[in-house]
Protein backbone atom coordinates (compact mmCIF):
# COMPACT_ATOMS: atom_id res chain seq x y z
CA MET A 1 1.96 1.23 -0.98
CA THR A 2 3.27 3.92 1.27
CA ARG A 3 2.06 7.43 0.61
CA PRO A 4 4.66 9.67 -1.11
CA ILE A 5 6.17 12.28 1.19
CA ASN A 6 6.49 15.83 -0.10
CA LEU A 7 9.86 15.75 -1.83
CA LEU A 8 11.37 18.99 -0.53
CA ALA A 9 10.20 18.31 3.01
CA ALA A 10 11.49 14.76 2.79
CA LEU A 11 14.92 15.90 1.66
CA LEU A 12 15.09 18.41 4.48
CA LEU A 13 13.94 15.88 7.07
CA GLY A 14 16.29 13.20 5.83
CA THR A 15 13.55 10.70 4.98
CA VAL A 16 14.75 10.67 1.37
CA SER A 17 18.43 10.47 0.46
CA LEU A 18 20.16 12.18 -2.39
CA PRO A 19 22.40 9.96 -4.56
CA GLY A 20 25.41 8.80 -2.60
CA VAL A 21 23.99 9.96 0.75
CA ALA A 22 22.82 7.37 3.25
CA VAL A 23 21.43 7.65 6.76
CA ALA A 24 23.05 5.43 9.37
CA GLN A 25 20.99 2.47 10.57
CA GLN A 26 19.44 3.35 13.90
CA TYR A 27 17.06 0.48 14.52
CA GLY A 28 17.28 -3.24 15.11
CA ASN A 29 14.68 -4.19 12.49
CA SER A 30 13.84 -3.23 8.92
CA PRO A 31 10.49 -4.85 8.09
CA PHE A 32 10.17 -3.16 4.69
CA TYR A 33 13.44 -4.87 3.73
CA GLU A 34 13.19 -8.06 5.74
CA HIS A 35 9.50 -8.83 5.03
CA THR A 36 8.72 -6.71 1.98
CA VAL A 37 6.29 -9.03 0.24
CA ASP A 38 4.64 -10.24 3.44
CA LEU A 39 3.94 -6.62 4.41
CA SER A 40 2.27 -6.09 1.04
CA ARG A 41 0.22 -9.26 1.49
CA ALA A 42 -0.76 -8.13 4.98
CA TYR A 43 -1.75 -4.73 3.60
CA GLY A 44 -4.05 -6.47 1.14
CA LEU A 45 -5.66 -8.46 3.95
CA GLU A 46 -5.97 -5.33 6.10
CA SER A 47 -7.47 -3.35 3.21
CA ILE A 48 -10.19 -5.94 2.74
CA GLY A 49 -10.91 -5.78 6.46
CA LEU A 50 -11.25 -2.00 6.28
CA ARG A 51 -13.73 -2.28 3.42
CA LEU A 52 -15.77 -4.75 5.45
CA ASP A 53 -15.67 -2.25 8.34
CA LEU A 54 -17.04 0.44 6.03
CA ALA A 55 -19.82 -1.85 4.83
CA ALA A 56 -20.77 -2.41 8.48
CA ALA A 57 -20.46 1.27 9.48
CA PHE A 58 -23.01 2.45 6.92
CA LYS A 59 -26.45 1.23 5.96
CA ALA A 60 -28.30 0.86 2.69
CA PRO A 61 -28.77 2.66 0.46
CA TYR A 62 -25.02 3.22 0.14
CA ASP A 63 -23.53 6.17 -1.71
CA ASP A 64 -22.30 5.19 -5.19
CA GLU A 65 -18.70 6.13 -4.40
CA LEU A 66 -18.79 4.15 -1.17
CA ILE A 67 -20.16 1.17 -3.08
CA GLU A 68 -17.20 1.42 -5.44
CA THR A 69 -14.78 1.40 -2.51
CA ILE A 70 -16.42 -1.61 -0.86
CA GLU A 71 -16.51 -3.49 -4.15
CA GLY A 72 -12.73 -3.22 -4.10
CA VAL A 73 -12.66 -6.22 -1.75
CA THR A 74 -12.40 -8.38 -4.86
CA GLY A 75 -9.92 -6.17 -6.72
CA PRO A 76 -6.14 -5.58 -6.54
CA VAL A 77 -6.11 -5.75 -2.73
CA PHE A 78 -7.14 -9.41 -3.02
CA ALA A 79 -4.50 -9.98 -5.70
CA ARG A 80 -1.81 -8.98 -3.20
CA PHE A 81 -2.11 -12.39 -1.52
CA GLU A 82 -4.39 -14.42 -3.79
CA GLY A 83 -1.67 -16.54 -5.38
CA THR A 84 -0.18 -17.58 -2.04
CA LEU A 85 -3.59 -18.35 -0.56
CA GLU A 86 -4.59 -20.46 -3.55
CA GLU A 87 -1.29 -22.31 -3.37
CA ARG A 88 -1.60 -23.08 0.34
CA ASN A 89 -5.36 -23.52 0.72
CA PRO A 90 -7.29 -23.43 -2.58
CA GLU A 91 -10.62 -24.22 -0.94
CA LEU A 92 -10.29 -21.30 1.47
CA ALA A 93 -9.29 -19.00 -1.39
CA LYS A 94 -12.43 -19.99 -3.27
CA SER A 95 -14.67 -19.58 -0.22
CA LEU A 96 -13.22 -16.18 0.68
CA SER A 97 -13.61 -14.91 -2.86
CA ALA A 98 -17.23 -16.04 -2.92
CA ALA A 99 -17.97 -14.43 0.45
CA LEU A 100 -16.43 -11.13 -0.61
CA HIS A 101 -18.45 -11.14 -3.82
CA GLU A 102 -21.56 -11.72 -1.70
CA VAL A 103 -20.77 -8.67 0.41
CA SER A 104 -20.17 -6.61 -2.71
CA GLU A 105 -23.42 -7.70 -4.31
CA ALA A 106 -25.45 -7.05 -1.16
CA VAL A 107 -24.08 -3.52 -0.86
CA GLU A 108 -24.65 -2.78 -4.53
CA GLU A 109 -28.22 -4.05 -4.42
CA GLY A 110 -29.05 -2.14 -1.23
CA GLU A 111 -29.56 -5.27 0.85
CA ASP A 112 -28.48 -5.86 4.46
CA PRO A 113 -24.92 -7.23 4.24
CA THR A 114 -24.57 -8.07 7.96
CA GLU A 115 -24.51 -11.87 7.60
CA ALA A 116 -22.30 -11.72 4.53
CA ILE A 117 -19.86 -9.43 6.35
CA ALA A 118 -19.66 -11.78 9.33
CA GLU A 119 -18.90 -14.76 7.10
CA ALA A 120 -16.33 -12.80 5.11
CA ARG A 121 -14.59 -11.61 8.26
CA GLU A 122 -14.30 -15.15 9.60
CA LEU A 123 -12.83 -16.41 6.33
CA LEU A 124 -10.52 -13.39 6.09
CA GLU A 125 -9.12 -14.15 9.53
CA GLN A 126 -8.48 -17.73 8.45
CA ALA A 127 -6.77 -16.46 5.30
CA TYR A 128 -4.59 -14.12 7.36
CA GLY A 129 -3.38 -17.13 9.34
CA VAL A 130 -2.61 -19.08 6.17
CA VAL A 131 -0.82 -16.29 4.31
CA ILE A 132 1.10 -14.65 7.18
CA ASP A 133 3.04 -16.76 9.66
CA ALA A 134 1.65 -16.40 13.19
CA ASP A 135 5.01 -15.43 14.71
CA LEU A 136 5.57 -12.79 12.05
CA ARG A 137 2.09 -11.38 12.46
CA ALA A 138 2.72 -11.02 16.21
CA ASN A 139 6.12 -9.38 15.69
CA PRO A 140 6.05 -5.72 16.87
CA ALA A 141 8.28 -4.50 14.02
CA PHE A 142 5.99 -6.15 11.47
CA LYS A 143 2.98 -4.55 13.14
CA GLY A 144 4.82 -1.25 12.93
CA GLY A 145 5.11 -1.66 9.16
CA ILE A 146 1.38 -2.31 8.93
CA ILE A 147 0.66 0.77 11.04
CA LEU A 148 2.81 2.95 8.80
CA ASN A 149 1.02 1.69 5.70
CA LEU A 150 -2.36 2.37 7.29
CA LEU A 151 -1.24 5.88 8.18
CA LEU A 152 0.40 6.92 4.92
CA ALA A 153 -0.62 4.61 2.08
CA GLU A 154 -3.30 5.23 -0.53
CA GLU A 155 -6.70 5.29 1.23
CA GLY A 156 -4.87 5.62 4.54
CA VAL A 157 -5.35 8.12 7.33
CA ALA A 158 -3.42 11.05 5.83
CA GLU A 159 -4.48 10.39 2.24
CA GLY A 160 -8.17 9.90 3.02
CA TYR A 161 -8.38 13.31 4.63
CA GLU A 162 -6.36 15.05 1.93
CA GLU A 163 -8.39 13.59 -0.92
CA ALA A 164 -11.65 14.51 0.77
CA VAL A 165 -10.62 18.12 1.37
CA GLU A 166 -8.25 19.03 -1.47
CA ASN A 167 -10.06 17.23 -4.28
CA ASN A 168 -13.55 17.56 -2.80
CA GLU A 169 -14.04 13.80 -2.75
CA PRO A 170 -16.00 13.37 0.50
CA TRP A 171 -16.26 9.59 0.25
CA GLU A 172 -12.50 9.25 0.53
CA TYR A 173 -12.94 10.47 4.11
CA PRO A 174 -14.45 7.22 5.46
CA ASN A 175 -11.40 5.36 4.17
CA GLY A 176 -9.18 7.42 6.46
CA TRP A 177 -11.59 6.95 9.36
CA ALA A 178 -11.58 3.17 8.98
CA ALA A 179 -7.77 3.09 8.71
CA LEU A 180 -7.49 5.19 11.88
CA GLN A 181 -9.61 2.74 13.87
CA ARG A 182 -7.30 -0.09 12.83
CA VAL A 183 -4.21 2.00 13.65
CA LYS A 184 -5.55 2.56 17.15
CA ALA A 185 -6.10 -1.16 17.64
CA LEU A 186 -2.57 -2.01 16.51
CA TRP A 187 -1.08 0.83 18.56
CA ASN A 188 -2.72 -0.66 21.65
CA GLU A 189 -0.88 -3.90 20.87
CA VAL A 190 2.59 -2.42 20.34
CA LYS A 191 2.54 0.24 23.05
CA VAL A 192 2.76 -2.39 25.80
CA SER A 193 6.55 -2.26 25.46
CA ALA A 194 6.74 1.54 25.23
CA ASP A 195 7.85 3.90 27.96
CA PRO A 196 5.26 6.32 29.40
CA GLU A 197 6.58 9.26 27.37
CA HIS A 198 6.14 7.47 24.05
CA VAL A 199 2.73 6.20 25.08
CA ALA A 200 1.67 9.75 25.87
CA ASP A 201 3.16 11.13 22.66
CA GLY A 202 1.45 8.47 20.57
CA GLN A 203 -1.87 9.09 22.26
CA GLU A 204 -1.51 12.81 21.61
CA MET A 205 -1.19 12.16 17.89
CA LEU A 206 -4.17 9.80 17.92
CA ASP A 207 -6.23 12.40 19.78
CA LEU A 208 -5.37 14.96 17.09
CA LEU A 209 -6.42 12.53 14.37
CA ASP A 210 -9.63 11.74 16.23
CA THR A 211 -10.58 15.42 16.04
CA LEU A 212 -10.22 15.19 12.25
CA TYR A 213 -12.10 11.88 12.07
CA PRO A 214 -14.83 12.09 14.73
CA GLN A 215 -17.07 9.70 12.78
CA ALA A 216 -17.21 7.66 9.59
CA GLN A 217 -19.69 9.99 7.91
CA PRO A 218 -18.00 12.60 5.69
CA PRO A 219 -18.27 16.19 6.95
CA ALA A 220 -21.14 18.23 5.56
CA SER A 221 -18.64 20.71 4.12
CA VAL A 222 -14.87 20.72 3.61
CA ALA A 223 -14.72 24.46 2.90
CA GLY A 224 -11.86 26.12 4.77
CA LEU A 225 -10.30 22.86 5.95
CA ASN A 226 -6.58 22.25 5.52
CA PRO A 227 -6.02 19.15 3.35
CA GLU A 228 -2.64 18.51 4.99
CA GLU A 229 -4.05 18.57 8.51
CA ALA A 230 -3.80 14.80 8.97
CA GLU A 231 -0.32 14.57 7.44
CA SER A 232 1.75 15.91 10.32
CA PRO A 233 0.25 13.81 13.14
CA SER A 234 0.35 10.73 10.89
CA GLN A 235 4.04 11.26 10.15
CA ARG A 236 4.83 12.02 13.78
CA LEU A 237 2.96 8.94 14.94
CA GLY A 238 4.94 6.90 12.43
CA GLY A 239 8.16 8.20 13.97
CA ILE A 240 6.95 7.32 17.47
CA VAL A 241 6.01 3.83 16.35
CA GLU A 242 9.52 3.43 14.85
CA THR A 243 11.08 3.97 18.25
CA VAL A 244 8.57 1.83 20.12
CA VAL A 245 8.99 -1.21 17.86
CA ASN A 246 12.72 -0.58 17.21
CA ALA A 247 12.28 -0.69 13.44
CA ASP A 248 13.18 1.48 10.47
CA LEU A 249 9.79 2.18 8.92
CA TYR A 250 10.95 4.70 6.29
CA PRO A 251 12.95 2.66 3.74
CA GLY A 252 13.42 5.68 1.48
CA ARG A 253 16.13 7.04 3.76
CA ASP A 254 18.74 5.15 1.71
CA LEU A 255 17.65 5.13 -1.93
CA ALA A 256 20.69 3.23 -3.20
CA ARG A 257 19.94 0.39 -0.81
CA LEU A 258 16.23 0.50 -1.55
CA VAL A 259 16.64 0.48 -5.34
CA GLY A 260 19.07 -2.42 -5.09
CA HIS A 261 16.58 -4.31 -2.93
CA LEU A 262 13.72 -3.64 -5.35
CA GLY A 263 15.88 -4.85 -8.22
CA GLU A 264 16.58 -8.11 -6.40
CA LEU A 265 12.91 -8.61 -5.61
CA THR A 266 11.95 -7.92 -9.21
CA ALA A 267 14.50 -10.46 -10.46
CA SER A 268 13.06 -13.06 -8.08
CA ALA A 269 9.58 -12.39 -9.47
CA CYS A 270 10.84 -12.74 -13.04
CA ALA A 271 12.03 -16.27 -12.21
CA VAL A 272 8.55 -17.21 -10.97
CA TYR A 273 6.42 -15.53 -13.68
CA PRO A 274 6.43 -18.22 -16.37
CA LYS A 275 4.84 -20.75 -14.02
CA GLU A 276 3.08 -18.85 -11.23
CA ASP A 277 1.88 -15.48 -12.46
CA GLU A 278 -0.31 -14.69 -9.45
CA VAL A 279 2.45 -15.44 -6.94
CA ALA A 280 4.95 -13.40 -8.97
CA ALA A 281 2.52 -10.49 -9.13
CA GLU A 282 2.43 -10.38 -5.32
CA THR A 283 6.10 -9.42 -5.35
CA ILE A 284 5.53 -6.79 -8.04
CA TYR A 285 2.78 -5.19 -5.93
CA ALA A 286 5.25 -4.93 -3.05
CA VAL A 287 7.92 -3.48 -5.35
CA PHE A 288 5.48 -0.96 -6.80
CA ASP A 289 4.45 0.27 -3.35
CA LEU A 290 7.99 1.16 -2.35
CA TYR A 291 8.96 2.43 -5.79
CA SER A 292 6.00 4.80 -6.10
CA ALA A 293 6.32 6.05 -2.52
CA HIS A 294 10.07 6.56 -2.24
CA VAL A 295 11.85 6.22 -5.57
CA GLU A 296 9.73 7.47 -8.46
CA GLN A 297 9.63 11.16 -7.63
CA VAL A 298 13.35 11.48 -6.86
CA ALA A 299 14.34 9.28 -9.83
CA GLY A 300 12.45 11.67 -12.06
CA LEU A 301 14.86 14.42 -11.02
CA PHE A 302 18.07 12.51 -11.65
CA SER A 303 17.18 10.04 -14.40
CA PRO A 304 13.79 10.92 -15.92
CA GLU A 305 14.07 8.54 -18.88
CA VAL A 306 14.76 5.52 -16.70
CA GLN A 307 12.10 6.64 -14.23
CA GLU A 308 9.49 6.96 -16.96
CA ARG A 309 10.35 3.56 -18.41
CA ALA A 310 10.23 1.87 -15.00
CA SER A 311 6.92 3.51 -14.11
CA ASP A 312 5.32 2.39 -17.36
CA LEU A 313 6.37 -1.24 -16.98
CA PHE A 314 4.29 -1.97 -13.88
CA GLY A 315 1.05 -1.77 -15.88
CA ALA A 316 1.96 -4.93 -17.80
CA MET A 317 2.12 -6.91 -14.57
CA ILE A 318 -0.31 -5.45 -12.03
CA ALA A 319 -3.16 -2.99 -11.68
CA ALA A 320 -0.93 -0.10 -10.63
CA ASP A 321 -2.35 3.35 -9.92
CA ASP A 322 -0.95 6.13 -12.08
CA ASP A 323 -0.58 9.77 -11.14
CA ASP A 324 -4.16 10.49 -12.16
CA GLY A 325 -5.53 7.87 -9.80
CA ASP A 326 -6.60 5.49 -12.56
CA ASP A 327 -5.72 1.84 -12.54
CA GLY A 328 -2.99 1.03 -15.00
CA GLU A 329 -4.85 -1.57 -17.03
CA GLU A 330 -2.98 -1.06 -20.28
CA ALA A 331 0.06 -3.21 -20.91
CA ALA A 332 3.45 -1.60 -21.25
CA THR A 333 4.69 -1.33 -24.81
CA THR A 334 7.94 -1.20 -26.69
CA GLU A 335 8.66 -0.06 -30.22
CA ALA A 336 9.48 -2.68 -32.85
CA ASP A 337 9.95 -2.42 -36.59
CA ASN A 338 7.31 -4.08 -38.74
CA ASP A 339 7.83 -5.39 -42.29
CA ASP A 340 7.19 -1.96 -43.78
CA GLY A 341 9.87 -0.33 -41.66
CA ASP A 342 7.34 1.59 -39.56
CA ASP A 343 7.47 1.72 -35.77
CA ASP A 344 4.67 -0.10 -34.01
CA ASP A 345 3.94 -0.31 -30.29
CA VAL A 346 4.16 -3.94 -29.25
CA ALA A 347 2.58 -4.96 -25.95
CA LEU A 348 4.99 -6.59 -23.52
CA SER A 349 4.14 -9.79 -21.68
CA ALA A 350 4.47 -9.80 -17.91
CA VAL A 351 7.69 -11.82 -18.21
CA GLU A 352 9.20 -9.32 -20.66
CA ALA A 353 8.10 -6.32 -18.61
CA CYS A 354 9.55 -7.90 -15.48
CA GLY A 355 12.92 -8.37 -17.14
CA GLU A 356 13.00 -4.79 -18.39
CA LEU A 357 12.00 -3.52 -14.95
CA ALA A 358 14.86 -5.43 -13.34
CA GLU A 359 17.24 -3.78 -15.81
CA ALA A 360 15.78 -0.36 -15.03
CA PHE A 361 16.43 -0.88 -11.33
CA THR A 362 20.03 -1.80 -12.13
CA GLU A 363 20.40 1.55 -13.90
CA LEU A 364 18.70 3.43 -11.09
CA LYS A 365 20.95 1.81 -8.49
CA THR A 366 23.95 3.29 -10.34
CA VAL A 367 22.23 6.68 -10.42
CA PHE A 368 21.79 6.62 -6.65
CA GLY A 369 25.36 5.59 -5.96
CA GLY A 370 24.86 1.86 -5.46
């Protein structure tokens, strides 16, 4: 779930391609292509860890909005890897779910969650090892993909600051703070192979972000602050990380390639859906992240009907956020004639929605010159 880049700026910077225009491959790795679903699973695991960090950073009584964020440990972020964890270690999946619910309940009831957090963290680390292969997790390019998600995705460093300032939602601010602490930890791991100049440049960006996030507590007032202040250093740090880990971390540079890739992933999920819905949904979460961040906005310019149809279909398969920030809990629908000749909206099953989404990506690939 990478954060959408401003469209005009992205076109000018070359991070989004117009139809038929591709940017030459410059890096030796492409984790968002090579490990798309694993990156989404890892983001789910990381997101739970960040929520546990927030629960530990504050004390009862918790603000209602912060409670809602922490309670998300059992929501869609867990669904990003739940099917795989249950398949590989059902007992651990059950124990982790129970521990996360215990944290959530303690926070909601104003109790001390310290012991519950410690247990949940231990189980989460075990789950990380089960879901993500150890060699992949240690891979610098894969870590780079995680860093980029933490910087730019929903509830990430740039987004947390923007939401707090622009929309006057102060309790989005701690989300960005928590993500920044994790970015710094991962940067310390990948910078060991960097030259001194890149180390210095990366640290400069982190220092800038630290001035915006001096503590977890939201600022007393956001009046006069620039909501985009965290965007530039986050983007620049992402570019530095790209070079350090030798990996293309902006898959939207070649939309024809990306749309084709998302279509293939969607088709693979469709083949799994009838038997393993939760595992199939993991792939759809990964597809949705890249679609919403890199494809949706541009597709709306060149093929709005296909874009609208594709965007609507995700809600039948996963809890996808819409443009208003609400979870897409309503199933996608299609019109069908009833016996009286009237048009009714008929809810699509996940299998049906998946098939239609795969077809939509085929159309979009043609639009973008694939």
